[in-house]
Structures are given as C-alpha cells and as structure tokens.
Amino acid sequence: QVQLVESGGRLVQAGGSLRLSCAASGRTFSSYVMGWFRQAPGKEREFVSAIWSGGTTTYVDSVKGRFTISRDNAKNTVYLQMSSLKPEDTADYYCAADQRPLPLVPSTWHYWGQGTQVTVSS
C-alpha cells in the first residue's frame, strides 16, 4: 500500500516558477515509478512526467525544457520543478505511483494522491 500526498500548488504569475512535492508512504518507494499528471477543468487527466527508480525521466512535449521531475528515495519524495509557467499550465496536479505503469495511461497507475491546485495568471 502506498499513500501519496502532494503539496506546493498555489497561484503564480505567468513566467514564474513553482515546485510541487509528493510525499509517499511505504518502505518500497524506490521500487516504484513515480509520475505527475494534471487535469484542467473540463478536460481529461493528462500525463506530465514520470521518473523511474534509476532516474530515467520522460515528459509530455508541452512541458519539455520547462519542467523537471526528480526524486529523493531517502525522503520518499518526488518533485516537479516548474518554470516559465504559462496560463495553460493551470490545472490540478496529481502524483501517481506504480511499479509497471504505461506512463501515458492514467488507468495503469495504481496509486494516486489527492491533487494540488496550480493556477497561472496571465
């Protein structure tokens, strides 16, 4: 069982930066693939980024070069550093964990956090 708690979401101006954190429970955190998704009002949940236990990362094209995912296995925490934020980044951001997900497919991720809201004003 893994429990995920996100934090760090807030209102920020366009062009600004923000770091989201996701704290995970459980002693096997390092074995999980960790991911970030987002869901804007009226839209489907969208894959943002994922990081494997060895540090391999992947990103959706719209955030490449602006967002960086990282993990600290000693702290059971995954981060999403977001910079050059745009109004279209406004969404609820969710942390997810699974041992063998299809990264772009939300239904293949077993564990989810409750979400943290990011609002980017123009």
N, C-alpha and C. Protein backbone atom coordinates (compact mmCIF):
# COMPACT_ATOMS: atom_id res chain seq x y z
N GLN A 1 0.84 -1.19 0.00
CA GLN A 1 0.00 0.00 0.00
C GLN A 1 0.88 1.24 0.00
N VAL A 2 0.56 2.19 -0.86
CA VAL A 2 1.29 3.45 -0.96
C VAL A 2 0.30 4.58 -0.83
N GLN A 3 0.61 5.52 0.03
CA GLN A 3 -0.20 6.73 0.14
C GLN A 3 0.63 7.91 -0.33
N LEU A 4 0.00 8.78 -1.10
CA LEU A 4 0.69 9.91 -1.72
C LEU A 4 0.03 11.22 -1.29
N VAL A 5 0.84 12.18 -0.91
CA VAL A 5 0.33 13.49 -0.51
C VAL A 5 1.11 14.57 -1.24
N GLU A 6 0.38 15.31 -2.10
CA GLU A 6 1.01 16.40 -2.85
C GLU A 6 0.94 17.71 -2.07
N SER A 7 1.87 18.59 -2.38
CA SER A 7 1.85 19.93 -1.81
C SER A 7 2.59 20.86 -2.75
N GLY A 8 2.40 22.16 -2.52
CA GLY A 8 3.15 23.16 -3.28
C GLY A 8 2.35 23.93 -4.29
N GLY A 9 1.14 23.53 -4.57
CA GLY A 9 0.35 24.25 -5.55
C GLY A 9 -0.12 25.59 -5.01
N ARG A 10 -0.19 26.58 -5.88
CA ARG A 10 -0.66 27.91 -5.50
C ARG A 10 -0.87 28.75 -6.74
N LEU A 11 -1.27 29.98 -6.54
CA LEU A 11 -1.42 30.96 -7.62
C LEU A 11 -0.05 31.56 -7.92
N VAL A 12 0.29 31.59 -9.20
CA VAL A 12 1.58 32.16 -9.61
C VAL A 12 1.37 32.91 -10.92
N GLN A 13 2.18 33.92 -11.14
CA GLN A 13 2.07 34.69 -12.39
C GLN A 13 2.76 33.96 -13.54
N ALA A 14 2.29 34.23 -14.74
CA ALA A 14 2.92 33.65 -15.92
C ALA A 14 4.40 34.01 -15.94
N GLY A 15 5.22 33.04 -16.32
CA GLY A 15 6.66 33.23 -16.33
C GLY A 15 7.33 32.85 -15.02
N GLY A 16 6.53 32.61 -14.01
CA GLY A 16 7.07 32.27 -12.71
C GLY A 16 7.42 30.80 -12.57
N SER A 17 7.86 30.45 -11.37
CA SER A 17 8.28 29.08 -11.09
C SER A 17 7.56 28.56 -9.85
N LEU A 18 7.52 27.24 -9.77
CA LEU A 18 6.84 26.59 -8.67
C LEU A 18 7.41 25.19 -8.53
N ARG A 19 7.52 24.70 -7.30
CA ARG A 19 7.95 23.32 -7.09
C ARG A 19 6.86 22.56 -6.35
N LEU A 20 6.41 21.49 -6.97
CA LEU A 20 5.46 20.60 -6.32
C LEU A 20 6.22 19.44 -5.67
N SER A 21 5.68 18.99 -4.55
CA SER A 21 6.26 17.84 -3.86
C SER A 21 5.19 16.78 -3.68
N CYS A 22 5.64 15.55 -3.64
CA CYS A 22 4.74 14.43 -3.38
C CYS A 22 5.44 13.50 -2.41
N ALA A 23 4.91 13.43 -1.20
CA ALA A 23 5.47 12.56 -0.17
C ALA A 23 4.74 11.23 -0.19
N ALA A 24 5.51 10.16 -0.21
CA ALA A 24 4.94 8.81 -0.29
C ALA A 24 5.20 8.04 0.99
N SER A 25 4.23 7.25 1.37
CA SER A 25 4.43 6.33 2.49
C SER A 25 4.93 5.00 1.95
N GLY A 26 5.37 4.15 2.84
CA GLY A 26 5.78 2.82 2.40
C GLY A 26 7.29 2.67 2.32
N ARG A 27 7.75 1.45 2.52
CA ARG A 27 9.18 1.20 2.58
C ARG A 27 9.77 0.81 1.24
N THR A 28 8.94 0.71 0.21
CA THR A 28 9.44 0.28 -1.10
C THR A 28 9.33 1.38 -2.14
N PHE A 29 9.39 2.62 -1.68
CA PHE A 29 9.23 3.76 -2.58
C PHE A 29 10.18 3.68 -3.75
N SER A 30 11.41 3.30 -3.49
CA SER A 30 12.42 3.32 -4.54
C SER A 30 12.10 2.36 -5.68
N SER A 31 11.25 1.39 -5.45
CA SER A 31 10.92 0.42 -6.50
C SER A 31 9.80 0.89 -7.42
N TYR A 32 9.16 2.01 -7.08
CA TYR A 32 8.02 2.49 -7.85
C TYR A 32 8.44 3.52 -8.90
N VAL A 33 7.77 3.44 -10.03
CA VAL A 33 7.79 4.54 -10.98
C VAL A 33 6.87 5.62 -10.42
N MET A 34 7.34 6.85 -10.42
CA MET A 34 6.56 7.97 -9.91
C MET A 34 6.20 8.89 -11.06
N GLY A 35 4.97 9.37 -11.03
CA GLY A 35 4.53 10.22 -12.14
C GLY A 35 3.75 11.43 -11.66
N TRP A 36 3.66 12.40 -12.55
CA TRP A 36 2.82 13.57 -12.34
C TRP A 36 1.83 13.66 -13.50
N PHE A 37 0.59 13.91 -13.15
CA PHE A 37 -0.47 14.16 -14.11
C PHE A 37 -1.12 15.49 -13.77
N ARG A 38 -1.88 16.01 -14.70
CA ARG A 38 -2.65 17.22 -14.42
C ARG A 38 -4.01 17.13 -15.09
N GLN A 39 -4.95 17.84 -14.49
CA GLN A 39 -6.31 17.86 -15.05
C GLN A 39 -6.85 19.27 -14.93
N ALA A 40 -7.11 19.87 -16.07
CA ALA A 40 -7.71 21.19 -16.12
C ALA A 40 -9.22 21.04 -16.11
N PRO A 41 -9.94 22.08 -15.69
CA PRO A 41 -11.40 22.00 -15.65
C PRO A 41 -11.98 21.62 -17.01
N GLY A 42 -12.83 20.61 -17.01
CA GLY A 42 -13.49 20.19 -18.24
C GLY A 42 -12.64 19.37 -19.18
N LYS A 43 -11.43 19.03 -18.74
CA LYS A 43 -10.54 18.24 -19.60
C LYS A 43 -10.18 16.93 -18.94
N GLU A 44 -9.66 16.01 -19.74
CA GLU A 44 -9.23 14.73 -19.21
C GLU A 44 -7.89 14.86 -18.49
N ARG A 45 -7.64 13.91 -17.62
CA ARG A 45 -6.36 13.90 -16.92
C ARG A 45 -5.24 13.63 -17.93
N GLU A 46 -4.18 14.41 -17.83
CA GLU A 46 -3.10 14.40 -18.81
C GLU A 46 -1.78 14.03 -18.15
N PHE A 47 -1.03 13.14 -18.78
CA PHE A 47 0.31 12.81 -18.30
C PHE A 47 1.22 14.02 -18.43
N VAL A 48 2.04 14.24 -17.41
CA VAL A 48 3.01 15.34 -17.44
C VAL A 48 4.44 14.80 -17.47
N SER A 49 4.75 13.92 -16.52
CA SER A 49 6.13 13.46 -16.42
C SER A 49 6.18 12.21 -15.57
N ALA A 50 7.24 11.44 -15.74
CA ALA A 50 7.46 10.25 -14.90
C ALA A 50 8.95 10.05 -14.69
N ILE A 51 9.26 9.40 -13.59
CA ILE A 51 10.66 9.09 -13.27
C ILE A 51 10.74 7.67 -12.75
N TRP A 52 11.68 6.91 -13.30
CA TRP A 52 11.88 5.54 -12.87
C TRP A 52 12.85 5.47 -11.70
N SER A 53 12.94 4.32 -11.11
CA SER A 53 13.76 4.19 -9.91
C SER A 53 15.22 4.51 -10.19
N GLY A 54 15.69 4.24 -11.38
CA GLY A 54 17.08 4.51 -11.72
C GLY A 54 17.34 5.93 -12.16
N GLY A 55 16.26 6.73 -12.25
CA GLY A 55 16.43 8.13 -12.61
C GLY A 55 16.04 8.50 -14.02
N THR A 56 15.70 7.52 -14.84
CA THR A 56 15.22 7.83 -16.18
C THR A 56 13.94 8.64 -16.09
N THR A 57 13.85 9.66 -16.96
CA THR A 57 12.68 10.53 -16.92
C THR A 57 12.05 10.65 -18.31
N THR A 58 10.78 11.03 -18.32
CA THR A 58 10.10 11.32 -19.56
C THR A 58 9.10 12.44 -19.31
N TYR A 59 8.81 13.21 -20.36
CA TYR A 59 7.94 14.38 -20.23
C TYR A 59 7.00 14.45 -21.43
N VAL A 60 5.85 15.04 -21.19
CA VAL A 60 4.98 15.39 -22.30
C VAL A 60 5.64 16.56 -23.03
N ASP A 61 5.45 16.63 -24.35
CA ASP A 61 6.15 17.63 -25.14
C ASP A 61 5.90 19.06 -24.66
N SER A 62 4.69 19.33 -24.19
CA SER A 62 4.32 20.70 -23.84
C SER A 62 5.09 21.24 -22.64
N VAL A 63 5.75 20.38 -21.87
CA VAL A 63 6.49 20.85 -20.69
C VAL A 63 7.99 20.63 -20.81
N LYS A 64 8.43 19.99 -21.87
CA LYS A 64 9.85 19.74 -22.03
C LYS A 64 10.63 21.05 -22.03
N GLY A 65 11.70 21.06 -21.27
CA GLY A 65 12.53 22.25 -21.16
C GLY A 65 12.05 23.24 -20.12
N ARG A 66 10.86 23.02 -19.59
CA ARG A 66 10.31 23.93 -18.56
C ARG A 66 10.12 23.22 -17.22
N PHE A 67 9.78 21.95 -17.26
CA PHE A 67 9.53 21.18 -16.03
C PHE A 67 10.64 20.16 -15.84
N THR A 68 10.96 19.89 -14.57
CA THR A 68 11.95 18.86 -14.24
C THR A 68 11.42 18.01 -13.11
N ILE A 69 11.39 16.72 -13.34
CA ILE A 69 10.98 15.79 -12.30
C ILE A 69 12.22 15.21 -11.63
N SER A 70 12.13 15.01 -10.34
CA SER A 70 13.24 14.40 -9.61
C SER A 70 12.67 13.61 -8.43
N ARG A 71 13.50 12.78 -7.85
CA ARG A 71 13.05 12.00 -6.70
C ARG A 71 14.19 11.91 -5.69
N ASP A 72 13.80 11.83 -4.43
CA ASP A 72 14.73 11.62 -3.34
C ASP A 72 14.27 10.36 -2.62
N ASN A 73 14.88 9.25 -2.92
CA ASN A 73 14.44 7.98 -2.35
C ASN A 73 14.63 7.91 -0.84
N ALA A 74 15.61 8.65 -0.32
CA ALA A 74 15.82 8.66 1.13
C ALA A 74 14.69 9.37 1.85
N LYS A 75 14.04 10.31 1.15
CA LYS A 75 12.93 11.06 1.75
C LYS A 75 11.57 10.59 1.25
N ASN A 76 11.56 9.56 0.40
CA ASN A 76 10.29 9.06 -0.16
C ASN A 76 9.49 10.19 -0.81
N THR A 77 10.18 11.02 -1.56
CA THR A 77 9.53 12.21 -2.12
C THR A 77 9.91 12.35 -3.58
N VAL A 78 8.93 12.76 -4.37
CA VAL A 78 9.16 13.11 -5.77
C VAL A 78 8.77 14.57 -5.95
N TYR A 79 9.51 15.25 -6.80
CA TYR A 79 9.30 16.69 -7.01
C TYR A 79 9.00 16.97 -8.48
N LEU A 80 8.31 18.07 -8.70
CA LEU A 80 8.14 18.58 -10.05
C LEU A 80 8.48 20.07 -10.00
N GLN A 81 9.64 20.41 -10.52
CA GLN A 81 10.05 21.79 -10.62
C GLN A 81 9.50 22.37 -11.91
N MET A 82 8.71 23.40 -11.80
CA MET A 82 8.05 24.00 -12.96
C MET A 82 8.55 25.43 -13.12
N SER A 83 8.98 25.77 -14.31
CA SER A 83 9.43 27.13 -14.58
C SER A 83 8.80 27.62 -15.88
N SER A 84 8.97 28.91 -16.13
CA SER A 84 8.36 29.54 -17.32
C SER A 84 6.90 29.14 -17.44
N LEU A 85 6.20 29.23 -16.34
CA LEU A 85 4.81 28.78 -16.31
C LEU A 85 3.92 29.62 -17.22
N LYS A 86 2.94 28.93 -17.81
CA LYS A 86 2.01 29.56 -18.73
C LYS A 86 0.58 29.38 -18.19
N PRO A 87 -0.33 30.26 -18.59
CA PRO A 87 -1.72 30.08 -18.14
C PRO A 87 -2.27 28.69 -18.47
N GLU A 88 -1.82 28.12 -19.57
CA GLU A 88 -2.33 26.79 -19.95
C GLU A 88 -1.79 25.68 -19.06
N ASP A 89 -0.87 26.00 -18.15
CA ASP A 89 -0.42 25.01 -17.15
C ASP A 89 -1.38 24.94 -15.97
N THR A 90 -2.35 25.83 -15.93
CA THR A 90 -3.32 25.83 -14.84
C THR A 90 -4.09 24.51 -14.81
N ALA A 91 -4.06 23.85 -13.65
CA ALA A 91 -4.71 22.55 -13.50
C ALA A 91 -4.53 22.06 -12.08
N ASP A 92 -5.26 21.01 -11.75
CA ASP A 92 -4.96 20.24 -10.55
C ASP A 92 -3.88 19.23 -10.93
N TYR A 93 -2.82 19.19 -10.13
CA TYR A 93 -1.69 18.31 -10.40
C TYR A 93 -1.73 17.13 -9.43
N TYR A 94 -1.61 15.94 -10.00
CA TYR A 94 -1.70 14.71 -9.23
C TYR A 94 -0.41 13.92 -9.31
N CYS A 95 -0.02 13.37 -8.20
CA CYS A 95 1.10 12.45 -8.12
C CYS A 95 0.56 11.02 -8.23
N ALA A 96 1.31 10.17 -8.89
CA ALA A 96 0.89 8.78 -9.06
C ALA A 96 2.08 7.84 -8.90
N ALA A 97 1.79 6.60 -8.53
CA ALA A 97 2.84 5.61 -8.35
C ALA A 97 2.35 4.26 -8.85
N ASP A 98 3.27 3.54 -9.43
CA ASP A 98 3.00 2.16 -9.85
C ASP A 98 4.33 1.50 -10.14
N GLN A 99 4.34 0.20 -10.10
CA GLN A 99 5.60 -0.50 -10.35
C GLN A 99 5.82 -0.78 -11.83
N ARG A 100 4.72 -0.89 -12.59
CA ARG A 100 4.86 -1.14 -14.03
C ARG A 100 3.77 -0.43 -14.81
N PRO A 101 3.76 0.91 -14.77
CA PRO A 101 2.70 1.61 -15.48
C PRO A 101 3.00 1.74 -16.97
N LEU A 102 1.95 1.97 -17.75
CA LEU A 102 2.12 2.54 -19.07
C LEU A 102 2.05 4.04 -18.81
N PRO A 103 3.15 4.74 -18.88
CA PRO A 103 3.19 6.09 -18.32
C PRO A 103 2.09 7.03 -18.79
N LEU A 104 1.73 6.97 -20.06
CA LEU A 104 0.76 7.93 -20.57
C LEU A 104 -0.68 7.53 -20.28
N VAL A 105 -0.91 6.38 -19.70
CA VAL A 105 -2.26 5.87 -19.49
C VAL A 105 -2.62 5.92 -18.01
N PRO A 106 -3.45 6.88 -17.61
CA PRO A 106 -3.78 7.02 -16.18
C PRO A 106 -4.31 5.76 -15.52
N SER A 107 -5.08 4.97 -16.24
CA SER A 107 -5.71 3.79 -15.62
C SER A 107 -4.70 2.72 -15.25
N THR A 108 -3.47 2.83 -15.72
CA THR A 108 -2.45 1.83 -15.39
C THR A 108 -1.64 2.20 -14.15
N TRP A 109 -1.91 3.36 -13.60
CA TRP A 109 -1.24 3.78 -12.36
C TRP A 109 -2.12 3.39 -11.19
N HIS A 110 -1.59 2.69 -10.21
CA HIS A 110 -2.42 2.13 -9.14
C HIS A 110 -2.69 3.11 -8.01
N TYR A 111 -1.71 3.92 -7.68
CA TYR A 111 -1.83 4.80 -6.51
C TYR A 111 -1.85 6.27 -6.94
N TRP A 112 -2.73 7.05 -6.29
CA TRP A 112 -2.90 8.46 -6.62
C TRP A 112 -2.96 9.30 -5.36
N GLY A 113 -2.45 10.51 -5.46
CA GLY A 113 -2.65 11.49 -4.41
C GLY A 113 -3.95 12.23 -4.62
N GLN A 114 -4.21 13.17 -3.73
CA GLN A 114 -5.48 13.91 -3.77
C GLN A 114 -5.41 15.13 -4.68
N GLY A 115 -4.22 15.50 -5.10
CA GLY A 115 -4.07 16.63 -6.02
C GLY A 115 -3.73 17.92 -5.32
N THR A 116 -3.05 18.78 -6.05
CA THR A 116 -2.75 20.13 -5.57
C THR A 116 -3.00 21.09 -6.72
N GLN A 117 -3.60 22.23 -6.41
CA GLN A 117 -4.05 23.14 -7.46
C GLN A 117 -2.97 24.14 -7.83
N VAL A 118 -2.74 24.26 -9.12
CA VAL A 118 -1.82 25.25 -9.65
C VAL A 118 -2.61 26.18 -10.56
N THR A 119 -2.52 27.47 -10.28
CA THR A 119 -3.19 28.47 -11.11
C THR A 119 -2.14 29.47 -11.59
N VAL A 120 -2.07 29.63 -12.90
CA VAL A 120 -1.11 30.55 -13.50
C VAL A 120 -1.89 31.71 -14.11
N SER A 121 -1.66 32.88 -13.58
CA SER A 121 -2.37 34.07 -14.07
C SER A 121 -1.58 34.75 -15.17
N SER A 122 -2.31 35.32 -16.11
CA SER A 122 -1.64 36.00 -17.24
C SER A 122 -1.36 37.46 -16.94
